[in-house]
All heavy atoms as atom14 arrays in JSON, in Angstrom:
{
  "sequence": "SGGGLVQPGGSLRLSCAASESIFRVLNMGWYRQVPGKQRELVAII",
  "atom14_mask": [
    [1, 1, 1, 1, 1, 1, 0, 0, 0, 0, 0, 0, 0, 0],
    [1, 1, 1, 1, 0, 0, 0, 0, 0, 0, 0, 0, 0, 0],
    [1, 1, 1, 1, 0, 0, 0, 0, 0, 0, 0, 0, 0, 0],
    [1, 1, 1, 1, 0, 0, 0, 0, 0, 0, 0, 0, 0, 0],
    [1, 1, 1, 1, 1, 1, 1, 1, 0, 0, 0, 0, 0, 0],
    [1, 1, 1, 1, 1, 1, 1, 0, 0, 0, 0, 0, 0, 0],
    [1, 1, 1, 1, 1, 1, 1, 1, 1, 0, 0, 0, 0, 0],
    [1, 1, 1, 1, 1, 1, 1, 0, 0, 0, 0, 0, 0, 0],
    [1, 1, 1, 1, 0, 0, 0, 0, 0, 0, 0, 0, 0, 0],
    [1, 1, 1, 1, 0, 0, 0, 0, 0, 0, 0, 0, 0, 0],
    [1, 1, 1, 1, 1, 1, 0, 0, 0, 0, 0, 0, 0, 0],
    [1, 1, 1, 1, 1, 1, 1, 1, 0, 0, 0, 0, 0, 0],
    [1, 1, 1, 1, 1, 1, 1, 1, 1, 1, 1, 0, 0, 0],
    [1, 1, 1, 1, 1, 1, 1, 1, 0, 0, 0, 0, 0, 0],
    [1, 1, 1, 1, 1, 1, 0, 0, 0, 0, 0, 0, 0, 0],
    [1, 1, 1, 1, 1, 1, 0, 0, 0, 0, 0, 0, 0, 0],
    [1, 1, 1, 1, 1, 0, 0, 0, 0, 0, 0, 0, 0, 0],
    [1, 1, 1, 1, 1, 0, 0, 0, 0, 0, 0, 0, 0, 0],
    [1, 1, 1, 1, 1, 1, 0, 0, 0, 0, 0, 0, 0, 0],
    [1, 1, 1, 1, 1, 1, 1, 1, 1, 0, 0, 0, 0, 0],
    [1, 1, 1, 1, 1, 1, 0, 0, 0, 0, 0, 0, 0, 0],
    [1, 1, 1, 1, 1, 1, 1, 1, 0, 0, 0, 0, 0, 0],
    [1, 1, 1, 1, 1, 1, 1, 1, 1, 1, 1, 0, 0, 0],
    [1, 1, 1, 1, 1, 1, 1, 1, 1, 1, 1, 0, 0, 0],
    [1, 1, 1, 1, 1, 1, 1, 0, 0, 0, 0, 0, 0, 0],
    [1, 1, 1, 1, 1, 1, 1, 1, 0, 0, 0, 0, 0, 0],
    [1, 1, 1, 1, 1, 1, 1, 1, 0, 0, 0, 0, 0, 0],
    [1, 1, 1, 1, 1, 1, 1, 1, 0, 0, 0, 0, 0, 0],
    [1, 1, 1, 1, 0, 0, 0, 0, 0, 0, 0, 0, 0, 0],
    [1, 1, 1, 1, 1, 1, 1, 1, 1, 1, 1, 1, 1, 1],
    [1, 1, 1, 1, 1, 1, 1, 1, 1, 1, 1, 1, 0, 0],
    [1, 1, 1, 1, 1, 1, 1, 1, 1, 1, 1, 0, 0, 0],
    [1, 1, 1, 1, 1, 1, 1, 1, 1, 0, 0, 0, 0, 0],
    [1, 1, 1, 1, 1, 1, 1, 0, 0, 0, 0, 0, 0, 0],
    [1, 1, 1, 1, 1, 1, 1, 0, 0, 0, 0, 0, 0, 0],
    [1, 1, 1, 1, 0, 0, 0, 0, 0, 0, 0, 0, 0, 0],
    [1, 1, 1, 1, 1, 1, 1, 1, 1, 0, 0, 0, 0, 0],
    [1, 1, 1, 1, 1, 1, 1, 1, 1, 0, 0, 0, 0, 0],
    [1, 1, 1, 1, 1, 1, 1, 1, 1, 1, 1, 0, 0, 0],
    [1, 1, 1, 1, 1, 1, 1, 1, 1, 0, 0, 0, 0, 0],
    [1, 1, 1, 1, 1, 1, 1, 1, 0, 0, 0, 0, 0, 0],
    [1, 1, 1, 1, 1, 1, 1, 0, 0, 0, 0, 0, 0, 0],
    [1, 1, 1, 1, 1, 0, 0, 0, 0, 0, 0, 0, 0, 0],
    [1, 1, 1, 1, 1, 1, 1, 1, 0, 0, 0, 0, 0, 0],
    [1, 1, 1, 1, 1, 1, 1, 1, 0, 0, 0, 0, 0, 0]
  ],
  "atom14_positions": [
    [[0.83, -1.17, 0.0], [0.0, 0.02, -0.01], [0.88, 1.24, -0.01], [2.09, 1.14, 0.26], [-0.94, 0.03, 1.19], [-0.22, 0.05, 2.4], [0.0, 0.0, 0.0], [0.0, 0.0, 0.0], [0.0, 0.0, 0.0], [0.0, 0.0, 0.0], [0.0, 0.0, 0.0], [0.0, 0.0, 0.0], [0.0, 0.0, 0.0], [0.0, 0.0, 0.0]],
    [[0.29, 2.39, -0.29], [0.97, 3.66, -0.2], [1.33, 4.3, -1.51], [1.79, 5.47, -1.53], [0.0, 0.0, 0.0], [0.0, 0.0, 0.0], [0.0, 0.0, 0.0], [0.0, 0.0, 0.0], [0.0, 0.0, 0.0], [0.0, 0.0, 0.0], [0.0, 0.0, 0.0], [0.0, 0.0, 0.0], [0.0, 0.0, 0.0], [0.0, 0.0, 0.0]],
    [[1.15, 3.6, -2.63], [1.43, 4.19, -3.9], [0.42, 5.22, -4.29], [-0.65, 5.37, -3.67], [0.0, 0.0, 0.0], [0.0, 0.0, 0.0], [0.0, 0.0, 0.0], [0.0, 0.0, 0.0], [0.0, 0.0, 0.0], [0.0, 0.0, 0.0], [0.0, 0.0, 0.0], [0.0, 0.0, 0.0], [0.0, 0.0, 0.0], [0.0, 0.0, 0.0]],
    [[0.71, 5.95, -5.35], [-0.22, 6.96, -5.83], [0.49, 8.02, -6.65], [1.63, 7.83, -7.11], [0.0, 0.0, 0.0], [0.0, 0.0, 0.0], [0.0, 0.0, 0.0], [0.0, 0.0, 0.0], [0.0, 0.0, 0.0], [0.0, 0.0, 0.0], [0.0, 0.0, 0.0], [0.0, 0.0, 0.0], [0.0, 0.0, 0.0], [0.0, 0.0, 0.0]],
    [[-0.21, 9.13, -6.88], [0.32, 10.24, -7.65], [0.92, 11.28, -6.68], [0.28, 11.69, -5.71], [-0.8, 10.87, -8.46], [-0.49, 12.13, -9.28], [0.57, 11.83, -10.32], [-1.72, 12.7, -9.86], [0.0, 0.0, 0.0], [0.0, 0.0, 0.0], [0.0, 0.0, 0.0], [0.0, 0.0, 0.0], [0.0, 0.0, 0.0], [0.0, 0.0, 0.0]],
    [[2.1, 11.75, -7.02], [2.79, 12.73, -6.2], [3.57, 13.68, -7.12], [4.0, 13.29, -8.19], [3.75, 12.06, -5.17], [4.88, 11.32, -5.89], [4.29, 13.05, -4.16], [0.0, 0.0, 0.0], [0.0, 0.0, 0.0], [0.0, 0.0, 0.0], [0.0, 0.0, 0.0], [0.0, 0.0, 0.0], [0.0, 0.0, 0.0], [0.0, 0.0, 0.0]],
    [[3.69, 14.93, -6.7], [4.42, 15.92, -7.44], [5.92, 15.73, -7.31], [6.41, 15.23, -6.29], [4.03, 17.33, -7.02], [2.6, 17.73, -7.36], [2.29, 19.14, -6.93], [2.8, 19.67, -5.96], [1.44, 19.78, -7.69], [0.0, 0.0, 0.0], [0.0, 0.0, 0.0], [0.0, 0.0, 0.0], [0.0, 0.0, 0.0], [0.0, 0.0, 0.0]],
    [[6.7, 16.18, -8.3], [8.13, 16.14, -8.14], [8.58, 16.85, -6.87], [8.04, 17.93, -6.57], [8.67, 16.83, -9.38], [7.61, 16.59, -10.4], [6.31, 16.64, -9.61], [0.0, 0.0, 0.0], [0.0, 0.0, 0.0], [0.0, 0.0, 0.0], [0.0, 0.0, 0.0], [0.0, 0.0, 0.0], [0.0, 0.0, 0.0], [0.0, 0.0, 0.0]],
    [[9.51, 16.29, -6.15], [9.94, 16.82, -4.89], [9.16, 16.37, -3.68], [9.55, 16.61, -2.55], [0.0, 0.0, 0.0], [0.0, 0.0, 0.0], [0.0, 0.0, 0.0], [0.0, 0.0, 0.0], [0.0, 0.0, 0.0], [0.0, 0.0, 0.0], [0.0, 0.0, 0.0], [0.0, 0.0, 0.0], [0.0, 0.0, 0.0], [0.0, 0.0, 0.0]],
    [[8.06, 15.68, -3.94], [7.21, 15.21, -2.88], [7.7, 13.88, -2.29], [8.75, 13.36, -2.65], [0.0, 0.0, 0.0], [0.0, 0.0, 0.0], [0.0, 0.0, 0.0], [0.0, 0.0, 0.0], [0.0, 0.0, 0.0], [0.0, 0.0, 0.0], [0.0, 0.0, 0.0], [0.0, 0.0, 0.0], [0.0, 0.0, 0.0], [0.0, 0.0, 0.0]],
    [[6.87, 13.37, -1.39], [7.25, 12.15, -0.64], [6.08, 11.16, -0.62], [4.94, 11.55, -0.64], [7.68, 12.47, 0.78], [8.79, 13.32, 0.8], [0.0, 0.0, 0.0], [0.0, 0.0, 0.0], [0.0, 0.0, 0.0], [0.0, 0.0, 0.0], [0.0, 0.0, 0.0], [0.0, 0.0, 0.0], [0.0, 0.0, 0.0], [0.0, 0.0, 0.0]],
    [[6.44, 9.89, -0.52], [5.49, 8.84, -0.31], [6.15, 7.78, 0.6], [7.38, 7.66, 0.6], [5.07, 8.12, -1.62], [4.14, 8.84, -2.54], [4.0, 8.06, -3.83], [2.77, 9.04, -1.9], [0.0, 0.0, 0.0], [0.0, 0.0, 0.0], [0.0, 0.0, 0.0], [0.0, 0.0, 0.0], [0.0, 0.0, 0.0], [0.0, 0.0, 0.0]],
    [[5.34, 7.09, 1.34], [5.83, 5.94, 2.08], [5.05, 4.69, 1.67], [3.82, 4.64, 1.82], [5.7, 6.13, 3.59], [6.41, 5.02, 4.37], [6.41, 5.21, 5.87], [5.1, 4.92, 6.48], [4.96, 4.56, 7.74], [5.98, 4.52, 8.59], [3.74, 4.31, 8.22], [0.0, 0.0, 0.0], [0.0, 0.0, 0.0], [0.0, 0.0, 0.0]],
    [[5.77, 3.71, 1.18], [5.2, 2.47, 0.83], [5.26, 1.49, 1.98], [6.27, 1.47, 2.72], [5.89, 1.87, -0.4], [6.03, 2.72, -1.62], [6.68, 1.93, -2.75], [4.68, 3.25, -2.08], [0.0, 0.0, 0.0], [0.0, 0.0, 0.0], [0.0, 0.0, 0.0], [0.0, 0.0, 0.0], [0.0, 0.0, 0.0], [0.0, 0.0, 0.0]],
    [[4.26, 0.65, 2.11], [4.23, -0.35, 3.15], [3.98, -1.73, 2.5], [3.29, -1.85, 1.51], [3.14, -0.1, 4.17], [3.29, 1.13, 4.84], [0.0, 0.0, 0.0], [0.0, 0.0, 0.0], [0.0, 0.0, 0.0], [0.0, 0.0, 0.0], [0.0, 0.0, 0.0], [0.0, 0.0, 0.0], [0.0, 0.0, 0.0], [0.0, 0.0, 0.0]],
    [[4.54, -2.72, 3.1], [4.38, -4.1, 2.65], [4.19, -4.97, 3.88], [5.13, -5.16, 4.67], [5.57, -4.53, 1.84], [5.58, -6.3, 1.37], [0.0, 0.0, 0.0], [0.0, 0.0, 0.0], [0.0, 0.0, 0.0], [0.0, 0.0, 0.0], [0.0, 0.0, 0.0], [0.0, 0.0, 0.0], [0.0, 0.0, 0.0], [0.0, 0.0, 0.0]],
    [[2.99, -5.51, 4.07], [2.65, -6.23, 5.26], [2.36, -7.7, 4.93], [1.61, -7.99, 4.01], [1.44, -5.65, 5.96], [0.0, 0.0, 0.0], [0.0, 0.0, 0.0], [0.0, 0.0, 0.0], [0.0, 0.0, 0.0], [0.0, 0.0, 0.0], [0.0, 0.0, 0.0], [0.0, 0.0, 0.0], [0.0, 0.0, 0.0], [0.0, 0.0, 0.0]],
    [[2.99, -8.59, 5.64], [2.75, -9.99, 5.45], [1.48, -10.43, 6.13], [1.12, -9.95, 7.19], [3.91, -10.81, 5.99], [0.0, 0.0, 0.0], [0.0, 0.0, 0.0], [0.0, 0.0, 0.0], [0.0, 0.0, 0.0], [0.0, 0.0, 0.0], [0.0, 0.0, 0.0], [0.0, 0.0, 0.0], [0.0, 0.0, 0.0], [0.0, 0.0, 0.0]],
    [[0.75, -11.34, 5.5], [-0.5, -11.81, 6.04], [-0.32, -12.68, 7.29], [-1.31, -12.88, 8.03], [-1.27, -12.65, 4.98], [-0.5, -13.76, 4.55], [0.0, 0.0, 0.0], [0.0, 0.0, 0.0], [0.0, 0.0, 0.0], [0.0, 0.0, 0.0], [0.0, 0.0, 0.0], [0.0, 0.0, 0.0], [0.0, 0.0, 0.0], [0.0, 0.0, 0.0]],
    [[0.85, -13.15, 7.5], [1.15, -13.94, 8.69], [2.66, -13.82, 8.96], [3.4, -13.35, 8.12], [0.78, -15.42, 8.49], [1.46, -16.09, 7.33], [0.88, -17.43, 6.98], [-0.12, -17.49, 6.23], [1.43, -18.44, 7.49], [0.0, 0.0, 0.0], [0.0, 0.0, 0.0], [0.0, 0.0, 0.0], [0.0, 0.0, 0.0], [0.0, 0.0, 0.0]],
    [[3.05, -14.3, 10.11], [4.48, -14.22, 10.45], [5.3, -15.04, 9.43], [4.9, -16.14, 9.04], [4.7, -14.75, 11.84], [4.06, -13.95, 12.8], [0.0, 0.0, 0.0], [0.0, 0.0, 0.0], [0.0, 0.0, 0.0], [0.0, 0.0, 0.0], [0.0, 0.0, 0.0], [0.0, 0.0, 0.0], [0.0, 0.0, 0.0], [0.0, 0.0, 0.0]],
    [[6.42, -14.52, 9.06], [7.32, -15.22, 8.17], [8.58, -15.56, 8.97], [9.2, -14.73, 9.61], [7.69, -14.34, 6.97], [6.47, -13.93, 6.19], [8.68, -15.05, 6.08], [6.69, -12.98, 5.06], [0.0, 0.0, 0.0], [0.0, 0.0, 0.0], [0.0, 0.0, 0.0], [0.0, 0.0, 0.0], [0.0, 0.0, 0.0], [0.0, 0.0, 0.0]],
    [[8.92, -16.82, 8.88], [10.07, -17.33, 9.62], [11.26, -17.54, 8.7], [11.14, -17.69, 7.5], [9.73, -18.65, 10.29], [8.63, -18.53, 11.3], [7.33, -18.93, 11.0], [8.91, -18.03, 12.61], [6.3, -18.79, 11.95], [7.87, -17.92, 13.54], [6.61, -18.3, 13.22], [0.0, 0.0, 0.0], [0.0, 0.0, 0.0], [0.0, 0.0, 0.0]],
    [[12.44, -17.5, 9.29], [13.68, -17.7, 8.55], [13.87, -16.7, 7.42], [14.27, -17.07, 6.33], [13.76, -19.15, 8.05], [13.67, -20.15, 9.16], [13.8, -21.59, 8.59], [13.72, -22.61, 9.63], [12.58, -23.16, 10.08], [11.43, -22.81, 9.54], [12.62, -24.08, 11.05], [0.0, 0.0, 0.0], [0.0, 0.0, 0.0], [0.0, 0.0, 0.0]],
    [[13.62, -15.42, 7.73], [13.81, -14.41, 6.74], [15.29, -14.13, 6.51], [16.08, -14.02, 7.47], [13.11, -13.1, 7.19], [13.45, -11.97, 6.29], [11.59, -13.27, 7.27], [0.0, 0.0, 0.0], [0.0, 0.0, 0.0], [0.0, 0.0, 0.0], [0.0, 0.0, 0.0], [0.0, 0.0, 0.0], [0.0, 0.0, 0.0], [0.0, 0.0, 0.0]],
    [[15.66, -14.06, 5.23], [17.02, -13.73, 4.88], [17.15, -12.25, 4.49], [18.04, -11.55, 4.96], [17.49, -14.59, 3.73], [17.55, -16.12, 4.01], [17.89, -16.84, 2.69], [18.6, -16.38, 5.07], [0.0, 0.0, 0.0], [0.0, 0.0, 0.0], [0.0, 0.0, 0.0], [0.0, 0.0, 0.0], [0.0, 0.0, 0.0], [0.0, 0.0, 0.0]],
    [[16.25, -11.82, 3.61], [16.28, -10.43, 3.12], [14.87, -9.91, 2.94], [13.95, -10.68, 2.66], [17.0, -10.34, 1.77], [18.31, -11.06, 1.74], [19.26, -10.63, 2.43], [18.43, -12.12, 0.96], [0.0, 0.0, 0.0], [0.0, 0.0, 0.0], [0.0, 0.0, 0.0], [0.0, 0.0, 0.0], [0.0, 0.0, 0.0], [0.0, 0.0, 0.0]],
    [[14.72, -8.64, 3.07], [13.5, -7.94, 2.73], [13.88, -6.73, 1.85], [14.84, -6.03, 2.15], [12.76, -7.43, 3.94], [12.49, -8.54, 4.98], [11.64, -7.95, 6.47], [9.96, -7.75, 5.83], [0.0, 0.0, 0.0], [0.0, 0.0, 0.0], [0.0, 0.0, 0.0], [0.0, 0.0, 0.0], [0.0, 0.0, 0.0], [0.0, 0.0, 0.0]],
    [[13.17, -6.59, 0.75], [13.6, -5.53, -0.18], [12.48, -4.97, -1.02], [11.34, -5.48, -1.01], [0.0, 0.0, 0.0], [0.0, 0.0, 0.0], [0.0, 0.0, 0.0], [0.0, 0.0, 0.0], [0.0, 0.0, 0.0], [0.0, 0.0, 0.0], [0.0, 0.0, 0.0], [0.0, 0.0, 0.0], [0.0, 0.0, 0.0], [0.0, 0.0, 0.0]],
    [[12.83, -3.94, -1.73], [11.94, -3.27, -2.67], [12.59, -3.23, -4.06], [13.76, -2.94, -4.19], [11.62, -1.82, -2.27], [10.76, -1.73, -1.01], [11.16, -1.65, 0.29], [9.33, -1.75, -1.0], [10.08, -1.6, 1.11], [8.92, -1.64, 0.37], [8.34, -1.82, -1.96], [7.58, -1.61, 0.76], [7.01, -1.81, -1.56], [6.66, -1.7, -0.24]],
    [[11.78, -3.53, -5.04], [12.17, -3.5, -6.44], [11.18, -2.65, -7.2], [10.07, -2.42, -6.77], [12.23, -4.93, -7.02], [13.23, -5.81, -6.34], [13.02, -6.36, -5.08], [14.43, -6.17, -6.99], [13.95, -7.17, -4.47], [15.39, -6.95, -6.39], [15.1, -7.45, -5.13], [16.05, -8.29, -4.55], [0.0, 0.0, 0.0], [0.0, 0.0, 0.0]],
    [[11.55, -2.22, -8.37], [10.64, -1.47, -9.23], [10.83, -1.86, -10.67], [11.89, -2.35, -11.11], [10.84, 0.04, -9.05], [12.15, 0.58, -9.55], [12.29, 2.04, -9.19], [13.57, 2.6, -9.59], [14.07, 3.74, -9.17], [13.38, 4.49, -8.28], [15.26, 4.15, -9.6], [0.0, 0.0, 0.0], [0.0, 0.0, 0.0], [0.0, 0.0, 0.0]],
    [[9.8, -1.62, -11.47], [9.82, -1.98, -12.86], [8.98, -1.01, -13.7], [7.92, -0.59, -13.25], [9.27, -3.41, -13.07], [9.48, -3.98, -14.44], [9.21, -5.47, -14.47], [8.45, -5.98, -13.67], [9.85, -6.16, -15.37], [0.0, 0.0, 0.0], [0.0, 0.0, 0.0], [0.0, 0.0, 0.0], [0.0, 0.0, 0.0], [0.0, 0.0, 0.0]],
    [[9.53, -0.62, -14.82], [8.8, 0.19, -15.79], [8.72, -0.63, -17.07], [9.51, -1.57, -17.31], [9.5, 1.5, -16.05], [9.58, 2.35, -14.78], [10.92, 1.31, -16.61], [0.0, 0.0, 0.0], [0.0, 0.0, 0.0], [0.0, 0.0, 0.0], [0.0, 0.0, 0.0], [0.0, 0.0, 0.0], [0.0, 0.0, 0.0], [0.0, 0.0, 0.0]],
    [[7.73, -0.31, -17.93], [7.58, -1.1, -19.17], [8.84, -1.11, -20.0], [9.51, -0.08, -20.21], [6.46, -0.36, -19.91], [5.64, 0.25, -18.79], [6.66, 0.67, -17.77], [0.0, 0.0, 0.0], [0.0, 0.0, 0.0], [0.0, 0.0, 0.0], [0.0, 0.0, 0.0], [0.0, 0.0, 0.0], [0.0, 0.0, 0.0], [0.0, 0.0, 0.0]],
    [[9.23, -2.29, -20.49], [10.37, -2.45, -21.32], [11.68, -2.53, -20.6], [12.73, -2.63, -21.21], [0.0, 0.0, 0.0], [0.0, 0.0, 0.0], [0.0, 0.0, 0.0], [0.0, 0.0, 0.0], [0.0, 0.0, 0.0], [0.0, 0.0, 0.0], [0.0, 0.0, 0.0], [0.0, 0.0, 0.0], [0.0, 0.0, 0.0], [0.0, 0.0, 0.0]],
    [[11.62, -2.48, -19.3], [12.87, -2.52, -18.46], [12.84, -3.69, -17.53], [11.78, -4.24, -17.19], [13.03, -1.26, -17.65], [13.07, 0.05, -18.44], [14.39, 0.22, -19.18], [14.46, 1.59, -19.82], [15.75, 1.78, -20.49], [0.0, 0.0, 0.0], [0.0, 0.0, 0.0], [0.0, 0.0, 0.0], [0.0, 0.0, 0.0], [0.0, 0.0, 0.0]],
    [[14.03, -4.16, -17.16], [14.11, -5.21, -16.14], [13.73, -4.66, -14.77], [13.94, -3.49, -14.5], [15.54, -5.76, -16.05], [15.99, -6.59, -17.27], [17.34, -7.21, -17.07], [18.2, -6.64, -16.41], [17.52, -8.42, -17.57], [0.0, 0.0, 0.0], [0.0, 0.0, 0.0], [0.0, 0.0, 0.0], [0.0, 0.0, 0.0], [0.0, 0.0, 0.0]],
    [[13.22, -5.54, -13.99], [12.96, -5.18, -12.6], [14.3, -4.9, -11.9], [15.25, -5.7, -12.06], [12.18, -6.31, -11.88], [11.64, -5.95, -10.53], [10.69, -7.0, -9.99], [9.52, -7.13, -10.83], [8.46, -7.95, -10.53], [8.52, -8.66, -9.42], [7.47, -8.02, -11.34], [0.0, 0.0, 0.0], [0.0, 0.0, 0.0], [0.0, 0.0, 0.0]],
    [[14.37, -3.82, -11.17], [15.6, -3.46, -10.56], [15.48, -3.29, -9.04], [14.44, -2.95, -8.53], [16.17, -2.17, -11.19], [15.32, -0.93, -10.92], [15.94, 0.33, -11.46], [17.07, 0.29, -12.04], [15.32, 1.42, -11.31], [0.0, 0.0, 0.0], [0.0, 0.0, 0.0], [0.0, 0.0, 0.0], [0.0, 0.0, 0.0], [0.0, 0.0, 0.0]],
    [[16.6, -3.49, -8.38], [16.64, -3.35, -6.95], [16.6, -1.88, -6.59], [17.35, -1.07, -7.13], [17.92, -3.97, -6.39], [18.16, -3.79, -4.88], [17.12, -4.57, -4.07], [19.58, -4.2, -4.52], [0.0, 0.0, 0.0], [0.0, 0.0, 0.0], [0.0, 0.0, 0.0], [0.0, 0.0, 0.0], [0.0, 0.0, 0.0], [0.0, 0.0, 0.0]],
    [[15.75, -1.55, -5.62], [15.67, -0.2, -5.06], [16.4, -0.17, -3.73], [17.25, 0.7, -3.49], [14.23, 0.27, -4.89], [14.15, 1.62, -4.23], [13.5, 0.3, -6.26], [0.0, 0.0, 0.0], [0.0, 0.0, 0.0], [0.0, 0.0, 0.0], [0.0, 0.0, 0.0], [0.0, 0.0, 0.0], [0.0, 0.0, 0.0], [0.0, 0.0, 0.0]],
    [[16.06, -1.1, -2.86], [16.64, -1.15, -1.5], [16.46, -2.53, -0.95], [15.49, -3.21, -1.23], [16.06, -0.11, -0.59], [0.0, 0.0, 0.0], [0.0, 0.0, 0.0], [0.0, 0.0, 0.0], [0.0, 0.0, 0.0], [0.0, 0.0, 0.0], [0.0, 0.0, 0.0], [0.0, 0.0, 0.0], [0.0, 0.0, 0.0], [0.0, 0.0, 0.0]],
    [[17.4, -2.96, -0.12], [17.31, -4.28, 0.5], [17.92, -4.16, 1.88], [18.91, -3.45, 2.12], [17.99, -5.36, -0.35], [17.75, -6.72, 0.23], [19.49, -5.07, -0.44], [18.16, -7.86, -0.73], [0.0, 0.0, 0.0], [0.0, 0.0, 0.0], [0.0, 0.0, 0.0], [0.0, 0.0, 0.0], [0.0, 0.0, 0.0], [0.0, 0.0, 0.0]],
    [[17.34, -4.94, 2.8], [17.89, -5.03, 4.16], [18.05, -6.51, 4.49], [17.07, -7.27, 4.28], [17.03, -4.3, 5.19], [17.63, -4.43, 6.61], [15.57, -4.76, 5.18], [17.03, -3.43, 7.63], [0.0, 0.0, 0.0], [0.0, 0.0, 0.0], [0.0, 0.0, 0.0], [0.0, 0.0, 0.0], [0.0, 0.0, 0.0], [0.0, 0.0, 0.0]]
  ]
}
């Protein structure tokens, strides 16, 4: 959740909530994709 339309210079906060507890997590991250491009890493923890 949290996506939408924003003006240049503005801010948004995206959230990603799991439906249940996830065990043995290695990484959590965000990726993005535009048409005709490969999905790319934005951030990972």
